[in-house]
Amino acid sequence: MAKKPTARQEFVLFDVIYEDGSQRSNRRVPADVLGGLDGDEPAREVIMEQDRSIAEKSGLPPLQIKLIKRSDAK
């Protein structure tokens, strides 16, 4: 029997610049948390949660975010 197609989740890519000057590109944020009155601000919370998870696994403290902007469309 064929599998039923699953719903595809759309993502928006963001570039993140940290207080120490380092940059991470193409951080994925679910599109359904963006928009509305807050615009892209909810992306900060999603990325901060991702950073906390990464920091927990690596044993290093999470970096402070300075700027978040959408990645350039290619």
N, C-alpha and C. Protein backbone atom coordinates (compact mmCIF):
# COMPACT_ATOMS: atom_id res chain seq x y z
N MET A 1 0.84 -1.16 0.00
CA MET A 1 0.00 0.00 0.00
C MET A 1 0.90 1.25 0.00
N ALA A 2 0.53 2.23 -0.80
CA ALA A 2 1.31 3.46 -0.92
C ALA A 2 1.17 4.32 0.33
N LYS A 3 2.24 5.02 0.65
CA LYS A 3 2.20 5.93 1.79
C LYS A 3 1.42 7.19 1.43
N LYS A 4 0.76 7.74 2.43
CA LYS A 4 0.07 9.01 2.22
C LYS A 4 1.11 10.12 2.26
N PRO A 5 0.96 11.10 1.39
CA PRO A 5 1.93 12.19 1.42
C PRO A 5 1.81 12.99 2.73
N THR A 6 2.95 13.37 3.26
CA THR A 6 2.96 14.16 4.49
C THR A 6 3.02 15.64 4.13
N ALA A 7 2.52 16.45 5.02
CA ALA A 7 2.55 17.89 4.80
C ALA A 7 4.01 18.36 4.88
N ARG A 8 4.39 19.19 3.95
CA ARG A 8 5.75 19.73 3.95
C ARG A 8 5.77 21.00 4.77
N GLN A 9 6.74 21.09 5.64
CA GLN A 9 6.88 22.28 6.45
C GLN A 9 7.81 23.25 5.73
N GLU A 10 7.37 24.47 5.59
CA GLU A 10 8.17 25.49 4.93
C GLU A 10 9.08 26.16 5.96
N PHE A 11 10.28 26.51 5.53
CA PHE A 11 11.25 27.17 6.39
C PHE A 11 11.72 28.48 5.76
N VAL A 12 12.11 29.40 6.60
CA VAL A 12 12.73 30.65 6.17
C VAL A 12 14.15 30.62 6.72
N LEU A 13 15.10 31.02 5.90
CA LEU A 13 16.50 31.00 6.29
C LEU A 13 16.93 32.37 6.80
N PHE A 14 17.69 32.36 7.90
CA PHE A 14 18.17 33.59 8.51
C PHE A 14 19.67 33.54 8.70
N ASP A 15 20.31 34.72 8.59
CA ASP A 15 21.71 34.89 8.96
C ASP A 15 21.72 35.48 10.36
N VAL A 16 22.59 34.96 11.21
CA VAL A 16 22.67 35.41 12.60
C VAL A 16 24.07 35.96 12.85
N ILE A 17 24.14 37.18 13.37
CA ILE A 17 25.41 37.78 13.76
C ILE A 17 25.42 37.89 15.28
N TYR A 18 26.50 37.40 15.88
CA TYR A 18 26.62 37.35 17.32
C TYR A 18 27.44 38.53 17.84
N GLU A 19 27.34 38.79 19.14
CA GLU A 19 28.04 39.90 19.77
C GLU A 19 29.55 39.83 19.58
N ASP A 20 30.11 38.63 19.47
CA ASP A 20 31.56 38.50 19.30
C ASP A 20 32.00 38.69 17.85
N GLY A 21 31.05 38.99 16.95
CA GLY A 21 31.36 39.23 15.55
C GLY A 21 31.24 38.02 14.65
N SER A 22 31.04 36.84 15.23
CA SER A 22 30.90 35.65 14.40
C SER A 22 29.53 35.63 13.74
N GLN A 23 29.42 34.86 12.66
CA GLN A 23 28.17 34.79 11.90
C GLN A 23 27.84 33.35 11.56
N ARG A 24 26.57 33.03 11.62
CA ARG A 24 26.07 31.73 11.17
C ARG A 24 25.03 32.02 10.11
N SER A 25 25.14 31.35 8.98
CA SER A 25 24.23 31.60 7.86
C SER A 25 23.24 30.46 7.71
N ASN A 26 22.12 30.79 7.10
CA ASN A 26 21.09 29.82 6.72
C ASN A 26 20.54 29.03 7.89
N ARG A 27 20.24 29.70 9.00
CA ARG A 27 19.57 29.06 10.13
C ARG A 27 18.10 28.91 9.78
N ARG A 28 17.57 27.71 9.91
CA ARG A 28 16.20 27.40 9.49
C ARG A 28 15.21 27.71 10.61
N VAL A 29 14.14 28.46 10.24
CA VAL A 29 13.06 28.81 11.16
C VAL A 29 11.76 28.44 10.46
N PRO A 30 10.86 27.71 11.13
CA PRO A 30 9.57 27.36 10.51
C PRO A 30 8.80 28.63 10.10
N ALA A 31 8.29 28.65 8.89
CA ALA A 31 7.59 29.82 8.37
C ALA A 31 6.31 30.11 9.14
N ASP A 32 5.71 29.10 9.75
CA ASP A 32 4.44 29.32 10.43
C ASP A 32 4.56 30.13 11.72
N VAL A 33 5.78 30.33 12.25
CA VAL A 33 5.94 31.16 13.45
C VAL A 33 6.20 32.62 13.10
N LEU A 34 6.39 32.92 11.82
CA LEU A 34 6.70 34.27 11.37
C LEU A 34 5.46 34.98 10.88
N GLY A 35 5.58 36.28 10.72
CA GLY A 35 4.50 37.09 10.18
C GLY A 35 3.66 37.72 11.27
N GLY A 36 2.50 38.20 10.91
CA GLY A 36 1.64 38.85 11.88
C GLY A 36 2.23 40.18 12.32
N LEU A 37 1.82 40.63 13.47
CA LEU A 37 2.26 41.93 13.97
C LEU A 37 3.73 41.92 14.37
N ASP A 38 4.25 40.76 14.76
CA ASP A 38 5.64 40.67 15.22
C ASP A 38 6.65 40.53 14.08
N GLY A 39 6.20 40.27 12.87
CA GLY A 39 7.10 40.13 11.74
C GLY A 39 8.07 38.98 11.94
N ASP A 40 9.37 39.26 11.85
CA ASP A 40 10.41 38.24 11.98
C ASP A 40 10.92 38.09 13.41
N GLU A 41 10.40 38.87 14.35
CA GLU A 41 10.90 38.82 15.74
C GLU A 41 10.78 37.43 16.37
N PRO A 42 9.72 36.64 16.09
CA PRO A 42 9.68 35.28 16.68
C PRO A 42 10.85 34.39 16.25
N ALA A 43 11.50 34.73 15.14
CA ALA A 43 12.66 33.95 14.69
C ALA A 43 13.78 34.01 15.72
N ARG A 44 13.89 35.13 16.43
CA ARG A 44 14.93 35.28 17.45
C ARG A 44 14.76 34.21 18.53
N GLU A 45 13.53 34.01 18.99
CA GLU A 45 13.27 33.00 20.03
C GLU A 45 13.58 31.59 19.54
N VAL A 46 13.21 31.30 18.30
CA VAL A 46 13.47 29.96 17.74
C VAL A 46 14.98 29.73 17.64
N ILE A 47 15.70 30.74 17.15
CA ILE A 47 17.15 30.59 16.99
C ILE A 47 17.83 30.53 18.35
N MET A 48 17.35 31.30 19.32
CA MET A 48 17.92 31.23 20.67
C MET A 48 17.72 29.83 21.27
N GLU A 49 16.58 29.23 21.03
CA GLU A 49 16.33 27.87 21.51
C GLU A 49 17.27 26.88 20.82
N GLN A 50 17.48 27.04 19.52
CA GLN A 50 18.43 26.20 18.79
C GLN A 50 19.83 26.36 19.38
N ASP A 51 20.22 27.62 19.66
CA ASP A 51 21.54 27.87 20.24
C ASP A 51 21.70 27.24 21.62
N ARG A 52 20.64 27.30 22.44
CA ARG A 52 20.69 26.68 23.77
C ARG A 52 20.89 25.17 23.64
N SER A 53 20.20 24.56 22.69
CA SER A 53 20.34 23.13 22.48
C SER A 53 21.75 22.77 22.01
N ILE A 54 22.30 23.55 21.09
CA ILE A 54 23.66 23.32 20.60
C ILE A 54 24.66 23.50 21.73
N ALA A 55 24.47 24.56 22.54
CA ALA A 55 25.39 24.83 23.65
C ALA A 55 25.36 23.72 24.69
N GLU A 56 24.17 23.19 24.94
CA GLU A 56 24.03 22.10 25.91
C GLU A 56 24.79 20.86 25.45
N LYS A 57 24.71 20.57 24.16
CA LYS A 57 25.39 19.39 23.63
C LYS A 57 26.91 19.59 23.56
N SER A 58 27.34 20.83 23.31
CA SER A 58 28.77 21.08 23.16
C SER A 58 29.46 21.39 24.49
N GLY A 59 28.67 21.77 25.49
CA GLY A 59 29.25 22.11 26.78
C GLY A 59 29.79 23.54 26.84
N LEU A 60 29.55 24.33 25.81
CA LEU A 60 29.97 25.72 25.77
C LEU A 60 28.76 26.62 26.00
N PRO A 61 28.97 27.82 26.55
CA PRO A 61 27.84 28.72 26.75
C PRO A 61 27.32 29.25 25.41
N PRO A 62 26.01 29.52 25.31
CA PRO A 62 25.48 30.07 24.05
C PRO A 62 25.96 31.50 23.85
N LEU A 63 26.14 31.88 22.60
CA LEU A 63 26.57 33.23 22.26
C LEU A 63 25.37 34.18 22.28
N GLN A 64 25.62 35.45 22.58
CA GLN A 64 24.57 36.47 22.57
C GLN A 64 24.35 36.94 21.14
N ILE A 65 23.09 36.97 20.72
CA ILE A 65 22.74 37.38 19.37
C ILE A 65 22.71 38.90 19.28
N LYS A 66 23.37 39.43 18.24
CA LYS A 66 23.39 40.86 18.00
C LYS A 66 22.35 41.25 16.95
N LEU A 67 22.28 40.47 15.85
CA LEU A 67 21.42 40.81 14.73
C LEU A 67 20.94 39.55 14.03
N ILE A 68 19.68 39.57 13.63
CA ILE A 68 19.11 38.49 12.84
C ILE A 68 18.50 39.12 11.61
N LYS A 69 18.85 38.56 10.43
CA LYS A 69 18.25 39.07 9.17
C LYS A 69 18.01 37.89 8.25
N ARG A 70 17.02 38.05 7.40
CA ARG A 70 16.73 36.98 6.44
C ARG A 70 17.91 36.80 5.48
N SER A 71 18.18 35.55 5.15
CA SER A 71 19.24 35.26 4.18
C SER A 71 18.79 35.72 2.80
N ASP A 72 19.74 36.10 1.98
CA ASP A 72 19.42 36.53 0.62
C ASP A 72 18.88 35.34 -0.16
N ALA A 73 17.81 35.57 -0.91
CA ALA A 73 17.22 34.52 -1.75
C ALA A 73 18.16 34.22 -2.90
N LYS A 74 18.28 32.94 -3.22
CA LYS A 74 19.18 32.55 -4.30
C LYS A 74 18.40 32.03 -5.46
